[in-house]
Amino acid sequence: MRKYFFWFGVGVVAMVAYFYGAKAGRGRYRDIRASLDAVWNDPKVKKARKEALKRAEAAAQAAVKQAKKVRR
């Protein structure tokens, strides 16, 4: 019975989200998309993304080295 109420709640939330999204219309979608693009393409954000990628690659390499040591 809990599963039924869970999925019923998910359906209600989806319908409400669809209703408000449709009501806002395409213009509001474009506004939101433009602001997200502006943030994504900001030079500070680009720099932070590159730094995060470098750190993730370094962490992955360190994990591989550690796994090789443990495997021995």
N, C-alpha and C. Protein backbone atom coordinates (compact mmCIF):
# COMPACT_ATOMS: atom_id res chain seq x y z
N MET A 1 0.81 -1.18 0.00
CA MET A 1 0.00 0.00 0.00
C MET A 1 0.87 1.27 0.00
N ARG A 2 2.01 1.22 0.69
CA ARG A 2 2.90 2.38 0.72
C ARG A 2 3.44 2.67 -0.67
N LYS A 3 3.71 1.60 -1.42
CA LYS A 3 4.21 1.76 -2.77
C LYS A 3 3.19 2.50 -3.64
N TYR A 4 1.93 2.16 -3.46
CA TYR A 4 0.86 2.80 -4.21
C TYR A 4 0.83 4.30 -3.91
N PHE A 5 0.89 4.66 -2.64
CA PHE A 5 0.85 6.07 -2.27
C PHE A 5 2.09 6.81 -2.76
N PHE A 6 3.21 6.14 -2.75
CA PHE A 6 4.43 6.76 -3.25
C PHE A 6 4.28 7.12 -4.72
N TRP A 7 3.86 6.16 -5.54
CA TRP A 7 3.72 6.41 -6.97
C TRP A 7 2.60 7.38 -7.27
N PHE A 8 1.56 7.35 -6.45
CA PHE A 8 0.48 8.32 -6.60
C PHE A 8 1.02 9.73 -6.33
N GLY A 9 1.83 9.87 -5.30
CA GLY A 9 2.44 11.17 -4.99
C GLY A 9 3.37 11.64 -6.10
N VAL A 10 4.16 10.72 -6.66
CA VAL A 10 5.04 11.07 -7.76
C VAL A 10 4.22 11.56 -8.95
N GLY A 11 3.12 10.89 -9.23
CA GLY A 11 2.25 11.29 -10.33
C GLY A 11 1.64 12.67 -10.12
N VAL A 12 1.22 12.94 -8.89
CA VAL A 12 0.63 14.24 -8.59
C VAL A 12 1.68 15.34 -8.75
N VAL A 13 2.87 15.11 -8.25
CA VAL A 13 3.94 16.10 -8.39
C VAL A 13 4.26 16.33 -9.86
N ALA A 14 4.31 15.27 -10.65
CA ALA A 14 4.60 15.40 -12.07
C ALA A 14 3.51 16.20 -12.78
N MET A 15 2.25 15.96 -12.42
CA MET A 15 1.17 16.71 -13.05
C MET A 15 1.22 18.20 -12.69
N VAL A 16 1.51 18.49 -11.44
CA VAL A 16 1.61 19.89 -11.01
C VAL A 16 2.78 20.57 -11.71
N ALA A 17 3.90 19.89 -11.79
CA ALA A 17 5.08 20.46 -12.46
C ALA A 17 4.78 20.70 -13.94
N TYR A 18 4.10 19.77 -14.57
CA TYR A 18 3.73 19.94 -15.98
C TYR A 18 2.79 21.13 -16.14
N PHE A 19 1.82 21.24 -15.25
CA PHE A 19 0.85 22.33 -15.33
C PHE A 19 1.54 23.68 -15.22
N TYR A 20 2.40 23.84 -14.22
CA TYR A 20 3.07 25.13 -14.06
C TYR A 20 4.09 25.37 -15.17
N GLY A 21 4.71 24.34 -15.65
CA GLY A 21 5.64 24.49 -16.76
C GLY A 21 4.93 24.92 -18.03
N ALA A 22 3.78 24.31 -18.30
CA ALA A 22 3.01 24.66 -19.49
C ALA A 22 2.45 26.07 -19.37
N LYS A 23 2.07 26.43 -18.14
CA LYS A 23 1.51 27.75 -17.92
C LYS A 23 2.58 28.83 -18.13
N ALA A 24 3.79 28.54 -17.70
CA ALA A 24 4.88 29.50 -17.86
C ALA A 24 5.17 29.72 -19.33
N GLY A 25 5.05 28.69 -20.11
CA GLY A 25 5.21 28.82 -21.54
C GLY A 25 6.65 28.79 -22.02
N ARG A 26 6.76 28.90 -23.31
CA ARG A 26 8.06 28.81 -23.97
C ARG A 26 8.96 30.01 -23.65
N GLY A 27 8.36 31.17 -23.49
CA GLY A 27 9.15 32.37 -23.20
C GLY A 27 9.90 32.25 -21.89
N ARG A 28 9.23 31.75 -20.88
CA ARG A 28 9.88 31.59 -19.57
C ARG A 28 10.99 30.54 -19.67
N TYR A 29 10.74 29.48 -20.44
CA TYR A 29 11.77 28.46 -20.65
C TYR A 29 13.01 29.09 -21.26
N ARG A 30 12.80 29.95 -22.26
CA ARG A 30 13.94 30.61 -22.91
C ARG A 30 14.68 31.52 -21.94
N ASP A 31 13.94 32.20 -21.07
CA ASP A 31 14.59 33.05 -20.06
C ASP A 31 15.46 32.23 -19.12
N ILE A 32 14.91 31.13 -18.66
CA ILE A 32 15.66 30.27 -17.73
C ILE A 32 16.88 29.69 -18.44
N ARG A 33 16.69 29.24 -19.66
CA ARG A 33 17.79 28.66 -20.43
C ARG A 33 18.90 29.69 -20.68
N ALA A 34 18.52 30.92 -20.99
CA ALA A 34 19.51 31.97 -21.24
C ALA A 34 20.31 32.28 -19.98
N SER A 35 19.63 32.32 -18.83
CA SER A 35 20.36 32.60 -17.60
C SER A 35 21.29 31.44 -17.24
N LEU A 36 20.85 30.20 -17.48
CA LEU A 36 21.72 29.05 -17.21
C LEU A 36 22.93 29.05 -18.14
N ASP A 37 22.71 29.40 -19.40
CA ASP A 37 23.82 29.47 -20.36
C ASP A 37 24.81 30.56 -19.95
N ALA A 38 24.29 31.69 -19.46
CA ALA A 38 25.17 32.77 -19.04
C ALA A 38 26.05 32.33 -17.87
N VAL A 39 25.46 31.61 -16.93
CA VAL A 39 26.24 31.12 -15.79
C VAL A 39 27.25 30.08 -16.25
N TRP A 40 26.82 29.13 -17.09
CA TRP A 40 27.69 28.04 -17.54
C TRP A 40 28.90 28.57 -18.31
N ASN A 41 28.70 29.63 -19.10
CA ASN A 41 29.77 30.16 -19.93
C ASN A 41 30.54 31.30 -19.27
N ASP A 42 30.26 31.58 -18.03
CA ASP A 42 30.99 32.61 -17.29
C ASP A 42 32.46 32.18 -17.16
N PRO A 43 33.41 33.08 -17.35
CA PRO A 43 34.83 32.70 -17.27
C PRO A 43 35.23 32.08 -15.93
N LYS A 44 34.67 32.57 -14.84
CA LYS A 44 35.00 32.00 -13.53
C LYS A 44 34.50 30.57 -13.41
N VAL A 45 33.32 30.31 -13.96
CA VAL A 45 32.76 28.96 -13.91
C VAL A 45 33.56 28.02 -14.81
N LYS A 46 33.97 28.50 -15.97
CA LYS A 46 34.80 27.68 -16.86
C LYS A 46 36.10 27.30 -16.17
N LYS A 47 36.72 28.28 -15.49
CA LYS A 47 37.97 28.02 -14.78
C LYS A 47 37.75 26.98 -13.68
N ALA A 48 36.65 27.11 -12.95
CA ALA A 48 36.35 26.16 -11.88
C ALA A 48 36.09 24.77 -12.45
N ARG A 49 35.42 24.69 -13.59
CA ARG A 49 35.18 23.37 -14.21
C ARG A 49 36.48 22.72 -14.62
N LYS A 50 37.39 23.50 -15.21
CA LYS A 50 38.68 22.94 -15.61
C LYS A 50 39.47 22.45 -14.40
N GLU A 51 39.45 23.24 -13.34
CA GLU A 51 40.17 22.85 -12.11
C GLU A 51 39.57 21.58 -11.52
N ALA A 52 38.26 21.49 -11.51
CA ALA A 52 37.60 20.30 -10.98
C ALA A 52 37.94 19.08 -11.82
N LEU A 53 38.00 19.25 -13.13
CA LEU A 53 38.36 18.14 -14.01
C LEU A 53 39.79 17.68 -13.74
N LYS A 54 40.71 18.62 -13.57
CA LYS A 54 42.10 18.26 -13.26
C LYS A 54 42.19 17.48 -11.95
N ARG A 55 41.46 17.98 -10.94
CA ARG A 55 41.50 17.29 -9.64
C ARG A 55 40.88 15.91 -9.72
N ALA A 56 39.81 15.77 -10.48
CA ALA A 56 39.18 14.46 -10.62
C ALA A 56 40.11 13.48 -11.33
N GLU A 57 40.79 13.95 -12.36
CA GLU A 57 41.73 13.08 -13.07
C GLU A 57 42.89 12.68 -12.16
N ALA A 58 43.38 13.62 -11.37
CA ALA A 58 44.47 13.30 -10.44
C ALA A 58 44.00 12.28 -9.40
N ALA A 59 42.79 12.46 -8.91
CA ALA A 59 42.26 11.52 -7.92
C ALA A 59 42.07 10.14 -8.53
N ALA A 60 41.64 10.09 -9.78
CA ALA A 60 41.46 8.80 -10.46
C ALA A 60 42.80 8.10 -10.64
N GLN A 61 43.82 8.85 -11.02
CA GLN A 61 45.15 8.26 -11.18
C GLN A 61 45.69 7.76 -9.84
N ALA A 62 45.47 8.52 -8.79
CA ALA A 62 45.91 8.09 -7.46
C ALA A 62 45.19 6.83 -7.03
N ALA A 63 43.90 6.75 -7.36
CA ALA A 63 43.13 5.55 -7.00
C ALA A 63 43.64 4.33 -7.76
N VAL A 64 44.02 4.52 -9.01
CA VAL A 64 44.56 3.40 -9.80
C VAL A 64 45.88 2.93 -9.20
N LYS A 65 46.74 3.88 -8.84
CA LYS A 65 48.02 3.52 -8.23
C LYS A 65 47.81 2.77 -6.92
N GLN A 66 46.88 3.25 -6.12
CA GLN A 66 46.61 2.60 -4.84
C GLN A 66 46.04 1.20 -5.05
N ALA A 67 45.18 1.05 -6.03
CA ALA A 67 44.61 -0.27 -6.32
C ALA A 67 45.68 -1.24 -6.78
N LYS A 68 46.65 -0.76 -7.56
CA LYS A 68 47.74 -1.62 -8.00
C LYS A 68 48.60 -2.06 -6.83
N LYS A 69 48.82 -1.13 -5.87
CA LYS A 69 49.61 -1.50 -4.68
C LYS A 69 48.88 -2.56 -3.85
N VAL A 70 47.58 -2.40 -3.70
CA VAL A 70 46.80 -3.34 -2.90
C VAL A 70 46.75 -4.70 -3.58
N ARG A 71 46.71 -4.70 -4.90
CA ARG A 71 46.61 -5.96 -5.66
C ARG A 71 47.85 -6.81 -5.50
N ARG A 72 48.98 -6.21 -5.27
CA ARG A 72 50.23 -6.98 -5.17
C ARG A 72 50.27 -7.86 -4.00
